[in-house]
Amino acid sequence: MMYLWVALGSAVGGGARYSCSGLTARLIGETFPWDTMTVNALGSFLIRLIFTVKEPAWRLLAAPGLVR
């Protein structure tokens, strides 16, 4: 079951990172890597927010997959 949580997080997280990066590049431009900075800052915030939850399944979903 642990592998399923990690795989699900990776699948959702990859799509979310791609979408966020593309949206940021379209809105701000591509002269500076704002898209990478936005994805990294948002990911750091979300991983800390999710790690306040004590449920291990949420940590497995978020840490290796969703936000990294």
Protein backbone atom coordinates (compact mmCIF):
# COMPACT_ATOMS: atom_id res chain seq x y z
CA MET A 1 0.00 0.00 0.00
CA MET A 2 2.94 2.30 0.70
CA TYR A 3 4.11 2.07 -2.93
CA LEU A 4 0.64 2.98 -4.16
CA TRP A 5 0.66 6.23 -2.14
CA VAL A 6 4.09 7.19 -3.47
CA ALA A 7 3.09 6.36 -7.06
CA LEU A 8 -0.14 8.34 -6.78
CA GLY A 9 1.72 11.33 -5.36
CA SER A 10 4.29 11.17 -8.14
CA ALA A 11 1.65 11.05 -10.84
CA VAL A 12 -0.35 13.97 -9.49
CA GLY A 13 2.74 15.96 -8.52
CA GLY A 14 4.38 15.69 -11.92
CA GLY A 15 1.32 17.06 -13.66
CA ALA A 16 0.91 19.83 -11.09
CA ARG A 17 4.56 20.90 -11.39
CA TYR A 18 4.35 20.96 -15.18
CA SER A 19 1.13 22.99 -15.14
CA CYS A 20 2.41 25.47 -12.55
CA SER A 21 5.69 25.92 -14.39
CA GLY A 22 3.95 26.52 -17.72
CA LEU A 23 1.47 28.96 -16.23
CA THR A 24 4.22 30.96 -14.52
CA ALA A 25 6.31 31.08 -17.71
CA ARG A 26 3.31 32.36 -19.71
CA LEU A 27 2.35 34.99 -17.14
CA ILE A 28 5.77 36.34 -16.21
CA GLY A 29 8.02 35.36 -19.09
CA GLU A 30 11.02 33.17 -19.64
CA THR A 31 13.92 35.62 -19.30
CA PHE A 32 14.60 34.44 -15.75
CA PRO A 33 13.65 31.00 -14.35
CA TRP A 34 10.67 32.31 -12.38
CA ASP A 35 8.79 29.12 -13.16
CA THR A 36 11.37 26.98 -11.33
CA MET A 37 11.50 29.37 -8.39
CA THR A 38 7.71 29.43 -8.11
CA VAL A 39 7.41 25.65 -8.20
CA ASN A 40 10.17 25.22 -5.60
CA ALA A 41 8.78 27.87 -3.23
CA LEU A 42 5.24 26.55 -3.50
CA GLY A 43 6.46 22.99 -3.03
CA SER A 44 8.42 23.91 0.09
CA PHE A 45 5.38 25.62 1.56
CA LEU A 46 3.07 22.71 0.76
CA ILE A 47 5.38 20.03 2.09
CA ARG A 48 5.67 21.85 5.43
CA LEU A 49 1.91 22.31 5.54
CA ILE A 50 1.26 18.63 4.82
CA PHE A 51 3.92 17.46 7.28
CA THR A 52 1.96 19.06 10.11
CA VAL A 53 -0.62 16.33 9.51
CA LYS A 54 0.16 13.29 11.62
CA GLU A 55 -1.27 10.78 9.16
CA PRO A 56 1.57 8.69 7.61
CA ALA A 57 -0.35 8.06 4.39
CA TRP A 58 -0.51 11.80 3.64
CA ARG A 59 3.22 12.09 4.24
CA LEU A 60 3.90 9.25 1.82
CA LEU A 61 1.64 10.87 -0.76
CA ALA A 62 3.17 14.32 -0.43
CA ALA A 63 6.86 14.05 0.40
CA PRO A 64 8.32 11.94 -2.41
CA GLY A 65 5.62 12.57 -4.98
CA LEU A 66 3.42 15.59 -4.86
CA VAL A 67 5.79 18.36 -3.98
CA ARG A 68 9.23 17.04 -4.89
